[in-house]
């Protein structure tokens, strides 16, 4: 199913380095999880591809290396 406003898609975006929780608002409310290996995982629902690309642009603008982008089921976005 393609993401739409009524059916957003869940994503996990992994970046290298720790991102502080105060950045959550800047990342459209995505959940920020700090991993022991030093990575940060941004998890949440994304309305469409334009929104996803906007989030990835924010990662780029912070200068944080992108490790992976994975589409996940809705339940996996809510730990």
N, C-alpha and C. Protein backbone atom coordinates (compact mmCIF):
# COMPACT_ATOMS: atom_id res chain seq x y z
N UNK A 1 0.85 -1.17 0.00
CA UNK A 1 0.00 0.00 0.00
C UNK A 1 0.89 1.23 0.00
N UNK A 2 0.58 2.18 -0.87
CA UNK A 2 1.33 3.42 -0.92
C UNK A 2 0.92 4.31 0.24
N UNK A 3 1.88 5.04 0.83
CA UNK A 3 1.52 5.96 1.92
C UNK A 3 0.63 7.09 1.41
N UNK A 4 -0.36 7.44 2.21
CA UNK A 4 -1.22 8.58 1.93
C UNK A 4 -1.49 9.27 3.26
N UNK A 5 -2.19 10.39 3.23
CA UNK A 5 -2.50 11.07 4.48
C UNK A 5 -3.34 10.19 5.40
N UNK A 6 -4.16 9.29 4.82
CA UNK A 6 -4.97 8.43 5.67
C UNK A 6 -4.26 7.14 6.01
N UNK A 7 -3.20 6.81 5.26
CA UNK A 7 -2.43 5.60 5.52
C UNK A 7 -0.94 5.90 5.48
N UNK A 8 -0.41 6.62 6.47
CA UNK A 8 1.03 6.90 6.47
C UNK A 8 1.82 5.60 6.64
N UNK A 9 3.08 5.66 6.29
CA UNK A 9 3.96 4.51 6.37
C UNK A 9 4.98 4.73 7.48
N UNK A 10 5.30 3.67 8.22
CA UNK A 10 6.31 3.75 9.27
C UNK A 10 7.71 3.60 8.70
N UNK A 11 8.64 4.37 9.27
CA UNK A 11 10.04 4.28 8.86
C UNK A 11 10.95 4.32 10.08
N UNK A 12 12.11 3.66 9.94
CA UNK A 12 13.20 3.79 10.89
C UNK A 12 14.39 4.34 10.10
N UNK A 13 14.85 5.50 10.53
CA UNK A 13 16.00 6.14 9.89
C UNK A 13 17.15 6.07 10.88
N UNK A 14 18.20 5.38 10.50
CA UNK A 14 19.37 5.22 11.38
C UNK A 14 20.48 6.15 10.92
N UNK A 15 21.02 6.92 11.86
CA UNK A 15 22.14 7.82 11.56
C UNK A 15 23.29 7.52 12.51
N UNK A 16 24.47 7.86 12.07
CA UNK A 16 25.67 7.66 12.88
C UNK A 16 25.82 8.84 13.83
N UNK A 17 25.96 8.56 15.11
CA UNK A 17 26.10 9.61 16.12
C UNK A 17 24.83 9.75 16.93
N UNK A 18 24.94 10.35 18.10
CA UNK A 18 23.79 10.54 18.97
C UNK A 18 23.16 11.90 18.73
N UNK A 19 21.85 11.88 18.58
CA UNK A 19 21.05 13.08 18.39
C UNK A 19 20.30 13.35 19.69
N UNK A 20 20.35 14.56 20.18
CA UNK A 20 19.71 14.89 21.45
C UNK A 20 18.19 14.92 21.30
N UNK A 21 17.45 14.51 22.34
CA UNK A 21 15.98 14.45 22.27
C UNK A 21 15.30 15.77 21.91
N UNK A 22 15.92 16.91 22.20
CA UNK A 22 15.27 18.19 21.87
C UNK A 22 15.11 18.38 20.36
N UNK A 23 15.74 17.54 19.54
CA UNK A 23 15.59 17.61 18.09
C UNK A 23 14.29 16.94 17.62
N UNK A 24 13.55 16.28 18.52
CA UNK A 24 12.35 15.54 18.12
C UNK A 24 11.36 16.42 17.37
N UNK A 25 11.13 17.66 17.83
CA UNK A 25 10.20 18.56 17.14
C UNK A 25 10.67 18.88 15.72
N UNK A 26 11.97 19.05 15.55
CA UNK A 26 12.52 19.37 14.24
C UNK A 26 12.31 18.20 13.28
N UNK A 27 12.27 16.99 13.83
CA UNK A 27 12.05 15.79 13.02
C UNK A 27 10.59 15.36 13.06
N UNK A 28 9.68 16.31 13.05
CA UNK A 28 8.24 16.07 12.92
C UNK A 28 7.71 15.06 13.93
N UNK A 29 8.26 15.08 15.15
CA UNK A 29 7.76 14.22 16.21
C UNK A 29 8.20 12.77 16.14
N UNK A 30 9.17 12.45 15.30
CA UNK A 30 9.67 11.08 15.27
C UNK A 30 10.29 10.74 16.62
N UNK A 31 10.19 9.50 17.01
CA UNK A 31 10.81 9.04 18.25
C UNK A 31 12.31 8.92 18.03
N UNK A 32 13.09 9.41 18.99
CA UNK A 32 14.55 9.35 18.91
C UNK A 32 15.04 8.30 19.90
N UNK A 33 15.72 7.29 19.38
CA UNK A 33 16.28 6.23 20.22
C UNK A 33 17.79 6.22 20.06
N UNK A 34 18.50 6.36 21.17
CA UNK A 34 19.96 6.34 21.16
C UNK A 34 20.44 4.91 21.38
N UNK A 35 21.21 4.39 20.46
CA UNK A 35 21.73 3.02 20.54
C UNK A 35 23.07 3.01 21.26
N UNK A 36 23.39 1.88 21.89
CA UNK A 36 24.65 1.76 22.61
C UNK A 36 25.87 1.88 21.69
N UNK A 37 25.69 1.53 20.41
CA UNK A 37 26.82 1.59 19.47
C UNK A 37 27.11 3.00 18.98
N UNK A 38 26.32 3.99 19.47
CA UNK A 38 26.55 5.38 19.09
C UNK A 38 25.61 5.88 18.00
N UNK A 39 24.80 5.01 17.44
CA UNK A 39 23.84 5.41 16.41
C UNK A 39 22.57 5.98 17.05
N UNK A 40 21.81 6.70 16.25
CA UNK A 40 20.48 7.19 16.63
C UNK A 40 19.48 6.62 15.64
N UNK A 41 18.33 6.17 16.15
CA UNK A 41 17.26 5.70 15.28
C UNK A 41 16.08 6.65 15.43
N UNK A 42 15.64 7.19 14.31
CA UNK A 42 14.44 8.03 14.25
C UNK A 42 13.32 7.14 13.74
N UNK A 43 12.25 7.02 14.52
CA UNK A 43 11.17 6.10 14.16
C UNK A 43 9.83 6.82 14.20
N UNK A 44 9.01 6.57 13.20
CA UNK A 44 7.67 7.14 13.20
C UNK A 44 6.98 7.01 11.88
N UNK A 45 5.80 7.62 11.82
CA UNK A 45 4.99 7.57 10.61
C UNK A 45 5.32 8.73 9.69
N UNK A 46 5.39 8.44 8.41
CA UNK A 46 5.70 9.43 7.39
C UNK A 46 4.53 9.46 6.41
N UNK A 47 4.00 10.65 6.17
CA UNK A 47 2.79 10.80 5.36
C UNK A 47 3.01 10.41 3.90
N UNK A 48 4.14 10.84 3.32
CA UNK A 48 4.39 10.57 1.90
C UNK A 48 5.88 10.67 1.61
N UNK A 49 6.24 10.40 0.36
CA UNK A 49 7.65 10.41 -0.03
C UNK A 49 8.27 11.80 0.09
N UNK A 50 7.49 12.83 -0.17
CA UNK A 50 8.02 14.20 -0.03
C UNK A 50 8.41 14.46 1.42
N UNK A 51 7.59 14.00 2.36
CA UNK A 51 7.90 14.15 3.78
C UNK A 51 9.15 13.36 4.15
N UNK A 52 9.28 12.15 3.62
CA UNK A 52 10.46 11.32 3.88
C UNK A 52 11.72 12.02 3.37
N UNK A 53 11.66 12.55 2.17
CA UNK A 53 12.83 13.24 1.61
C UNK A 53 13.16 14.50 2.42
N UNK A 54 12.14 15.17 2.95
CA UNK A 54 12.38 16.33 3.81
C UNK A 54 13.11 15.94 5.08
N UNK A 55 12.72 14.79 5.66
CA UNK A 55 13.41 14.30 6.86
C UNK A 55 14.86 13.95 6.56
N UNK A 56 15.08 13.30 5.42
CA UNK A 56 16.44 12.94 5.03
C UNK A 56 17.29 14.18 4.76
N UNK A 57 16.68 15.23 4.25
CA UNK A 57 17.40 16.49 4.04
C UNK A 57 17.84 17.08 5.37
N UNK A 58 16.98 16.96 6.40
CA UNK A 58 17.35 17.46 7.73
C UNK A 58 18.54 16.70 8.29
N UNK A 59 18.57 15.37 8.07
CA UNK A 59 19.72 14.57 8.50
C UNK A 59 20.97 15.07 7.80
N UNK A 60 20.86 15.29 6.50
CA UNK A 60 22.00 15.80 5.72
C UNK A 60 22.46 17.15 6.25
N UNK A 61 21.50 18.04 6.54
CA UNK A 61 21.84 19.39 7.00
C UNK A 61 22.55 19.37 8.35
N UNK A 62 22.29 18.35 9.17
CA UNK A 62 22.99 18.21 10.45
C UNK A 62 24.39 17.65 10.27
N UNK A 63 24.69 17.11 9.09
CA UNK A 63 26.01 16.53 8.84
C UNK A 63 26.17 15.16 9.46
N UNK A 64 25.06 14.49 9.77
CA UNK A 64 25.13 13.16 10.37
C UNK A 64 25.10 12.11 9.26
N UNK A 65 26.06 11.18 9.26
CA UNK A 65 26.07 10.14 8.24
C UNK A 65 24.81 9.27 8.33
N UNK A 66 24.14 9.07 7.20
CA UNK A 66 22.96 8.22 7.11
C UNK A 66 23.42 6.77 7.03
N UNK A 67 22.91 5.92 7.92
CA UNK A 67 23.27 4.51 7.93
C UNK A 67 22.24 3.70 7.15
N UNK A 68 20.95 3.92 7.43
CA UNK A 68 19.91 3.16 6.73
C UNK A 68 18.56 3.83 6.87
N UNK A 69 17.68 3.48 5.92
CA UNK A 69 16.27 3.88 5.96
C UNK A 69 15.48 2.60 5.71
N UNK A 70 14.62 2.23 6.67
CA UNK A 70 13.87 0.98 6.56
C UNK A 70 12.39 1.25 6.77
N UNK A 71 11.58 0.74 5.85
CA UNK A 71 10.13 0.83 6.02
C UNK A 71 9.71 -0.24 7.01
N UNK A 72 8.90 0.14 7.99
CA UNK A 72 8.46 -0.79 9.03
C UNK A 72 6.94 -0.74 9.16
N UNK A 73 6.40 -1.76 9.79
CA UNK A 73 4.96 -1.79 10.05
C UNK A 73 4.62 -0.79 11.14
N UNK A 74 3.39 -0.31 11.14
CA UNK A 74 2.93 0.70 12.11
C UNK A 74 3.25 0.27 13.54
N UNK A 75 3.01 -0.96 13.92
CA UNK A 75 3.24 -1.41 15.30
C UNK A 75 4.71 -1.25 15.69
N UNK A 76 5.62 -1.36 14.74
CA UNK A 76 7.06 -1.24 15.03
C UNK A 76 7.47 0.20 15.28
N UNK A 77 6.61 1.17 14.95
CA UNK A 77 6.95 2.56 15.18
C UNK A 77 6.55 3.00 16.59
N UNK A 78 5.88 2.14 17.33
CA UNK A 78 5.42 2.45 18.70
C UNK A 78 5.93 1.38 19.65
N UNK A 79 7.10 1.63 20.25
CA UNK A 79 7.74 0.66 21.14
C UNK A 79 6.98 0.54 22.44
